[in-house]
Amino acid sequence: MRYADNCNFFKKGKRIELYAAAALYITLRFQKAPYLLIDFSDKMGIKMFPLARCYLKMSKKFGFQQELPLIDPSLLIHRYCKMMNLG
């Protein structure tokens, strides 16, 4: 938090929920958990595009963009089959 304060990362008028959701999403990406950014948008009632901008800004600022693993689509198959009642 001190680093973020020193480099003027937090701007006045921005909601802390955006930063919290983006930070949690980055953490879950490193854990290879089957969550998408839109999941956070839906559950927290945050608009998707400001959340996506915050996520991109955080990943660039803290140098995570190259290190973040891609989401494996096979992790999401079970989830979407359950949503569509495919068993």
C-alpha atoms as a PDB file:
ATOM      1  CA  MET A   1       0.000   0.000   0.000  1.00  0.00           C
ATOM      2  CA  ARG A   2       2.847   2.378   0.788  1.00  0.00           C
ATOM      3  CA  TYR A   3       4.308   1.854  -2.707  1.00  0.00           C
ATOM      4  CA  ALA A   4       0.950   2.590  -4.308  1.00  0.00           C
ATOM      5  CA  ASP A   5       0.592   5.776  -2.266  1.00  0.00           C
ATOM      6  CA  ASN A   6       4.109   6.968  -3.115  1.00  0.00           C
ATOM      7  CA  CYS A   7       3.647   6.599  -6.860  1.00  0.00           C
ATOM      8  CA  ASN A   8       0.248   8.368  -6.865  1.00  0.00           C
ATOM      9  CA  PHE A   9      -1.496   5.216  -8.014  1.00  0.00           C
ATOM     10  CA  PHE A  10      -4.774   5.973  -6.257  1.00  0.00           C
ATOM     11  CA  LYS A  11      -6.621   8.919  -7.718  1.00  0.00           C
ATOM     12  CA  LYS A  12      -9.295  10.969  -6.031  1.00  0.00           C
ATOM     13  CA  GLY A  13     -12.774  10.026  -7.111  1.00  0.00           C
ATOM     14  CA  LYS A  14     -11.948   6.385  -7.904  1.00  0.00           C
ATOM     15  CA  ARG A  15     -13.854   3.770  -5.971  1.00  0.00           C
ATOM     16  CA  ILE A  16     -11.767   1.533  -3.750  1.00  0.00           C
ATOM     17  CA  GLU A  17     -13.981  -1.392  -4.831  1.00  0.00           C
ATOM     18  CA  LEU A  18     -12.455  -1.192  -8.311  1.00  0.00           C
ATOM     19  CA  TYR A  19      -8.941  -1.556  -6.939  1.00  0.00           C
ATOM     20  CA  ALA A  20      -9.934  -4.278  -4.485  1.00  0.00           C
ATOM     21  CA  ALA A  21     -11.698  -6.323  -7.172  1.00  0.00           C
ATOM     22  CA  ALA A  22      -8.810  -5.887  -9.620  1.00  0.00           C
ATOM     23  CA  ALA A  23      -6.260  -6.906  -6.978  1.00  0.00           C
ATOM     24  CA  LEU A  24      -8.286  -9.976  -6.041  1.00  0.00           C
ATOM     25  CA  TYR A  25      -8.664 -10.907  -9.705  1.00  0.00           C
ATOM     26  CA  ILE A  26      -4.902 -10.640 -10.244  1.00  0.00           C
ATOM     27  CA  THR A  27      -4.341 -12.863  -7.210  1.00  0.00           C
ATOM     28  CA  LEU A  28      -6.806 -15.445  -8.494  1.00  0.00           C
ATOM     29  CA  ARG A  29      -5.153 -15.408 -11.922  1.00  0.00           C
ATOM     30  CA  PHE A  30      -1.857 -16.357 -10.274  1.00  0.00           C
ATOM     31  CA  GLN A  31      -3.694 -19.187  -8.487  1.00  0.00           C
ATOM     32  CA  LYS A  32      -5.198 -20.291 -11.837  1.00  0.00           C
ATOM     33  CA  ALA A  33      -8.705 -20.111 -10.385  1.00  0.00           C
ATOM     34  CA  PRO A  34     -11.612 -20.327 -12.854  1.00  0.00           C
ATOM     35  CA  TYR A  35     -12.913 -16.778 -12.451  1.00  0.00           C
ATOM     36  CA  LEU A  36     -13.356 -14.054 -15.016  1.00  0.00           C
ATOM     37  CA  LEU A  37     -13.348 -10.309 -14.549  1.00  0.00           C
ATOM     38  CA  ILE A  38     -17.016 -10.205 -15.477  1.00  0.00           C
ATOM     39  CA  ASP A  39     -17.759 -12.403 -12.440  1.00  0.00           C
ATOM     40  CA  PHE A  40     -16.461  -9.659 -10.169  1.00  0.00           C
ATOM     41  CA  SER A  41     -18.428  -7.075 -12.105  1.00  0.00           C
ATOM     42  CA  ASP A  42     -21.661  -9.034 -11.666  1.00  0.00           C
ATOM     43  CA  LYS A  43     -21.231  -9.942  -7.997  1.00  0.00           C
ATOM     44  CA  MET A  44     -20.027  -6.532  -6.853  1.00  0.00           C
ATOM     45  CA  GLY A  45     -22.346  -4.447  -9.006  1.00  0.00           C
ATOM     46  CA  ILE A  46     -19.449  -2.654 -10.671  1.00  0.00           C
ATOM     47  CA  LYS A  47     -19.486  -1.641 -14.323  1.00  0.00           C
ATOM     48  CA  MET A  48     -17.261  -3.881 -16.407  1.00  0.00           C
ATOM     49  CA  PHE A  49     -15.263  -1.308 -18.361  1.00  0.00           C
ATOM     50  CA  PRO A  50     -14.030   0.776 -15.389  1.00  0.00           C
ATOM     51  CA  LEU A  51     -13.081  -2.480 -13.665  1.00  0.00           C
ATOM     52  CA  ALA A  52     -11.208  -3.680 -16.749  1.00  0.00           C
ATOM     53  CA  ARG A  53      -9.358  -0.353 -17.008  1.00  0.00           C
ATOM     54  CA  CYS A  54      -8.387  -0.581 -13.346  1.00  0.00           C
ATOM     55  CA  TYR A  55      -7.194  -4.174 -13.820  1.00  0.00           C
ATOM     56  CA  LEU A  56      -5.062  -3.230 -16.828  1.00  0.00           C
ATOM     57  CA  LYS A  57      -3.671  -0.198 -15.040  1.00  0.00           C
ATOM     58  CA  MET A  58      -2.723  -2.246 -11.979  1.00  0.00           C
ATOM     59  CA  SER A  59      -1.167  -5.066 -13.976  1.00  0.00           C
ATOM     60  CA  LYS A  60       0.939  -2.593 -15.977  1.00  0.00           C
ATOM     61  CA  LYS A  61       1.927  -0.430 -13.026  1.00  0.00           C
ATOM     62  CA  PHE A  62       3.095  -3.325 -10.870  1.00  0.00           C
ATOM     63  CA  GLY A  63       4.663  -5.289 -13.722  1.00  0.00           C
ATOM     64  CA  PHE A  64       2.312  -8.277 -13.698  1.00  0.00           C
ATOM     65  CA  GLN A  65       1.285  -8.123 -17.336  1.00  0.00           C
ATOM     66  CA  GLN A  66       4.005 -10.491 -18.574  1.00  0.00           C
ATOM     67  CA  GLU A  67       3.787 -12.824 -15.564  1.00  0.00           C
ATOM     68  CA  LEU A  68       0.017 -13.371 -15.387  1.00  0.00           C
ATOM     69  CA  PRO A  69      -0.893 -16.859 -16.581  1.00  0.00           C
ATOM     70  CA  LEU A  70      -3.603 -17.194 -19.170  1.00  0.00           C
ATOM     71  CA  ILE A  71      -6.908 -18.657 -18.075  1.00  0.00           C
ATOM     72  CA  ASP A  72      -7.185 -22.289 -19.092  1.00  0.00           C
ATOM     73  CA  PRO A  73     -10.545 -22.668 -20.902  1.00  0.00           C
ATOM     74  CA  SER A  74     -10.906 -26.239 -19.670  1.00  0.00           C
ATOM     75  CA  LEU A  75     -11.412 -24.861 -16.146  1.00  0.00           C
ATOM     76  CA  LEU A  76     -14.557 -23.111 -17.298  1.00  0.00           C
ATOM     77  CA  ILE A  77     -16.190 -26.036 -19.142  1.00  0.00           C
ATOM     78  CA  HIS A  78     -17.702 -27.569 -15.991  1.00  0.00           C
ATOM     79  CA  ARG A  79     -19.009 -24.208 -14.889  1.00  0.00           C
ATOM     80  CA  TYR A  80     -20.778 -23.416 -18.165  1.00  0.00           C
ATOM     81  CA  CYS A  81     -22.177 -26.920 -18.530  1.00  0.00           C
ATOM     82  CA  LYS A  82     -23.715 -26.573 -15.079  1.00  0.00           C
ATOM     83  CA  MET A  83     -25.201 -23.182 -16.004  1.00  0.00           C
ATOM     84  CA  MET A  84     -26.793 -24.668 -19.138  1.00  0.00           C
ATOM     85  CA  ASN A  85     -28.064 -27.743 -17.239  1.00  0.00           C
ATOM     86  CA  LEU A  86     -26.048 -30.127 -19.405  1.00  0.00           C
ATOM     87  CA  GLY A  87     -25.049 -32.305 -16.471  1.00  0.00           C
END
